[in-house]
Amino acid sequence: MERSSMKQGKTVIWNTKIRDKERQVIFMAQINNKAVRSLAKLMEAGFDNEKAVLAMTMDDILSLPGISVAEIGMINRIQKAVRANRLISFLSGSEETAQKDTE
């Protein structure tokens, strides 16, 4: 969809589809990729819903294949976000930004 406007006697035309794609790219850049990768590992291991993620024990976490110390911390933060019903905010990075602002 194209729109136009008059600016100092000149017609300026812009494509709103391009602007939407730019917004989409900006949104994708804001997603916490480390959290998404950790969440994918959980899903692959069968922890594919909120109840299962919250019920995970440390033994369950440590038994995940190829788990790193950083991912253990990320899984802990994912559990906290699920418990607080803030998973989407956490994955988008707005949760971490709010925490940094309050510190």
C-alpha atoms as a PDB file:
ATOM      1  CA  MET A   1       0.000   0.000   0.000  1.00  0.00           C
ATOM      2  CA  GLU A   2       1.466   3.323  -1.015  1.00  0.00           C
ATOM      3  CA  ARG A   3       0.635   6.663   0.486  1.00  0.00           C
ATOM      4  CA  SER A   4       1.748  10.115  -0.481  1.00  0.00           C
ATOM      5  CA  SER A   5       1.936  13.524   1.106  1.00  0.00           C
ATOM      6  CA  MET A   6       2.779  17.033   0.072  1.00  0.00           C
ATOM      7  CA  LYS A   7       5.923  18.441   1.648  1.00  0.00           C
ATOM      8  CA  GLN A   8       7.004  21.931   0.570  1.00  0.00           C
ATOM      9  CA  GLY A   9       5.392  21.486  -2.836  1.00  0.00           C
ATOM     10  CA  LYS A  10       6.970  18.079  -3.419  1.00  0.00           C
ATOM     11  CA  THR A  11       5.080  14.819  -3.373  1.00  0.00           C
ATOM     12  CA  VAL A  12       6.670  12.273  -1.085  1.00  0.00           C
ATOM     13  CA  ILE A  13       5.642   8.665  -1.649  1.00  0.00           C
ATOM     14  CA  TRP A  14       6.467   5.892   0.773  1.00  0.00           C
ATOM     15  CA  ASN A  15       5.597   2.270   0.855  1.00  0.00           C
ATOM     16  CA  THR A  16       3.931   1.148   4.088  1.00  0.00           C
ATOM     17  CA  LYS A  17       4.873  -2.485   3.436  1.00  0.00           C
ATOM     18  CA  ILE A  18       8.540  -1.536   3.675  1.00  0.00           C
ATOM     19  CA  ARG A  19       7.885   0.306   6.927  1.00  0.00           C
ATOM     20  CA  ASP A  20       6.051  -2.741   8.320  1.00  0.00           C
ATOM     21  CA  LYS A  21       9.005  -4.967   7.406  1.00  0.00           C
ATOM     22  CA  GLU A  22      11.383  -2.513   9.089  1.00  0.00           C
ATOM     23  CA  ARG A  23       9.256  -2.670  12.244  1.00  0.00           C
ATOM     24  CA  GLN A  24       9.276  -6.457  12.026  1.00  0.00           C
ATOM     25  CA  VAL A  25      13.071  -6.528  11.732  1.00  0.00           C
ATOM     26  CA  ILE A  26      13.399  -4.181  14.705  1.00  0.00           C
ATOM     27  CA  PHE A  27      11.036  -6.416  16.717  1.00  0.00           C
ATOM     28  CA  MET A  28      12.993  -9.535  15.782  1.00  0.00           C
ATOM     29  CA  ALA A  29      16.213  -7.854  16.927  1.00  0.00           C
ATOM     30  CA  GLN A  30      14.687  -7.270  20.356  1.00  0.00           C
ATOM     31  CA  ILE A  31      13.903 -10.935  21.033  1.00  0.00           C
ATOM     32  CA  ASN A  32      16.164 -12.509  23.637  1.00  0.00           C
ATOM     33  CA  ASN A  33      17.779 -15.175  21.447  1.00  0.00           C
ATOM     34  CA  LYS A  34      19.519 -16.925  24.337  1.00  0.00           C
ATOM     35  CA  ALA A  35      16.203 -17.387  26.112  1.00  0.00           C
ATOM     36  CA  VAL A  36      14.592 -18.689  22.929  1.00  0.00           C
ATOM     37  CA  ARG A  37      17.396 -21.243  22.449  1.00  0.00           C
ATOM     38  CA  SER A  38      17.058 -22.394  26.063  1.00  0.00           C
ATOM     39  CA  LEU A  39      13.300 -22.623  25.662  1.00  0.00           C
ATOM     40  CA  ALA A  40      13.788 -24.721  22.515  1.00  0.00           C
ATOM     41  CA  LYS A  41      16.014 -27.122  24.474  1.00  0.00           C
ATOM     42  CA  LEU A  42      13.304 -27.456  27.099  1.00  0.00           C
ATOM     43  CA  MET A  43      10.682 -28.208  24.468  1.00  0.00           C
ATOM     44  CA  GLU A  44      12.908 -30.772  22.750  1.00  0.00           C
ATOM     45  CA  ALA A  45      13.342 -32.524  26.098  1.00  0.00           C
ATOM     46  CA  GLY A  46       9.560 -32.736  26.566  1.00  0.00           C
ATOM     47  CA  PHE A  47       9.018 -29.725  28.830  1.00  0.00           C
ATOM     48  CA  ASP A  48       6.574 -28.183  26.382  1.00  0.00           C
ATOM     49  CA  ASN A  49       4.066 -26.368  28.587  1.00  0.00           C
ATOM     50  CA  GLU A  50       4.105 -23.997  31.538  1.00  0.00           C
ATOM     51  CA  LYS A  51       3.193 -26.647  34.090  1.00  0.00           C
ATOM     52  CA  ALA A  52       6.043 -28.918  32.989  1.00  0.00           C
ATOM     53  CA  VAL A  53       8.577 -26.048  33.018  1.00  0.00           C
ATOM     54  CA  LEU A  54       7.531 -25.026  36.523  1.00  0.00           C
ATOM     55  CA  ALA A  55       7.707 -28.625  37.762  1.00  0.00           C
ATOM     56  CA  MET A  56      11.299 -29.095  36.574  1.00  0.00           C
ATOM     57  CA  THR A  57      13.746 -30.035  39.291  1.00  0.00           C
ATOM     58  CA  MET A  58      17.473 -29.309  39.275  1.00  0.00           C
ATOM     59  CA  ASP A  59      18.048 -32.974  38.374  1.00  0.00           C
ATOM     60  CA  ASP A  60      15.780 -32.514  35.326  1.00  0.00           C
ATOM     61  CA  ILE A  61      17.711 -29.425  34.267  1.00  0.00           C
ATOM     62  CA  LEU A  62      21.117 -31.041  34.760  1.00  0.00           C
ATOM     63  CA  SER A  63      20.048 -34.084  32.730  1.00  0.00           C
ATOM     64  CA  LEU A  64      19.384 -31.951  29.642  1.00  0.00           C
ATOM     65  CA  PRO A  65      21.934 -32.800  26.936  1.00  0.00           C
ATOM     66  CA  GLY A  66      24.679 -30.212  26.427  1.00  0.00           C
ATOM     67  CA  ILE A  67      23.409 -27.837  29.106  1.00  0.00           C
ATOM     68  CA  SER A  68      25.773 -25.032  30.153  1.00  0.00           C
ATOM     69  CA  VAL A  69      25.937 -23.070  33.387  1.00  0.00           C
ATOM     70  CA  ALA A  70      24.644 -19.986  31.557  1.00  0.00           C
ATOM     71  CA  GLU A  71      21.666 -21.982  30.256  1.00  0.00           C
ATOM     72  CA  ILE A  72      20.879 -23.221  33.764  1.00  0.00           C
ATOM     73  CA  GLY A  73      20.617 -19.583  34.853  1.00  0.00           C
ATOM     74  CA  MET A  74      18.481 -18.787  31.806  1.00  0.00           C
ATOM     75  CA  ILE A  75      16.131 -21.695  32.583  1.00  0.00           C
ATOM     76  CA  ASN A  76      15.796 -20.355  36.117  1.00  0.00           C
ATOM     77  CA  ARG A  77      14.817 -16.949  34.716  1.00  0.00           C
ATOM     78  CA  ILE A  78      12.373 -18.625  32.297  1.00  0.00           C
ATOM     79  CA  GLN A  79      10.749 -20.420  35.243  1.00  0.00           C
ATOM     80  CA  LYS A  80      10.441 -17.122  37.120  1.00  0.00           C
ATOM     81  CA  ALA A  81       8.887 -15.449  34.079  1.00  0.00           C
ATOM     82  CA  VAL A  82       6.395 -18.300  33.622  1.00  0.00           C
ATOM     83  CA  ARG A  83       5.499 -18.185  37.321  1.00  0.00           C
ATOM     84  CA  ALA A  84       4.868 -14.422  37.049  1.00  0.00           C
ATOM     85  CA  ASN A  85       2.903 -14.822  33.758  1.00  0.00           C
ATOM     86  CA  ARG A  86       5.473 -12.598  32.036  1.00  0.00           C
ATOM     87  CA  LEU A  87       7.086 -15.002  29.547  1.00  0.00           C
ATOM     88  CA  ILE A  88       6.371 -12.879  26.460  1.00  0.00           C
ATOM     89  CA  SER A  89       7.776  -9.789  28.193  1.00  0.00           C
ATOM     90  CA  PHE A  90      10.824 -11.799  29.195  1.00  0.00           C
ATOM     91  CA  LEU A  91      11.411 -13.126  25.675  1.00  0.00           C
ATOM     92  CA  SER A  92      11.017  -9.684  24.128  1.00  0.00           C
ATOM     93  CA  GLY A  93      13.602  -8.220  26.473  1.00  0.00           C
ATOM     94  CA  SER A  94      11.276  -5.701  28.087  1.00  0.00           C
ATOM     95  CA  GLU A  95      11.357  -7.662  31.351  1.00  0.00           C
ATOM     96  CA  GLU A  96      15.163  -7.432  31.593  1.00  0.00           C
ATOM     97  CA  THR A  97      15.123  -3.749  30.651  1.00  0.00           C
ATOM     98  CA  ALA A  98      12.651  -3.024  33.443  1.00  0.00           C
ATOM     99  CA  GLN A  99      14.793  -4.933  35.930  1.00  0.00           C
ATOM    100  CA  LYS A 100      17.939  -3.004  34.931  1.00  0.00           C
ATOM    101  CA  ASP A 101      16.079   0.302  35.293  1.00  0.00           C
ATOM    102  CA  THR A 102      15.036  -0.524  38.858  1.00  0.00           C
ATOM    103  CA  GLU A 103      18.537  -1.597  39.961  1.00  0.00           C
END
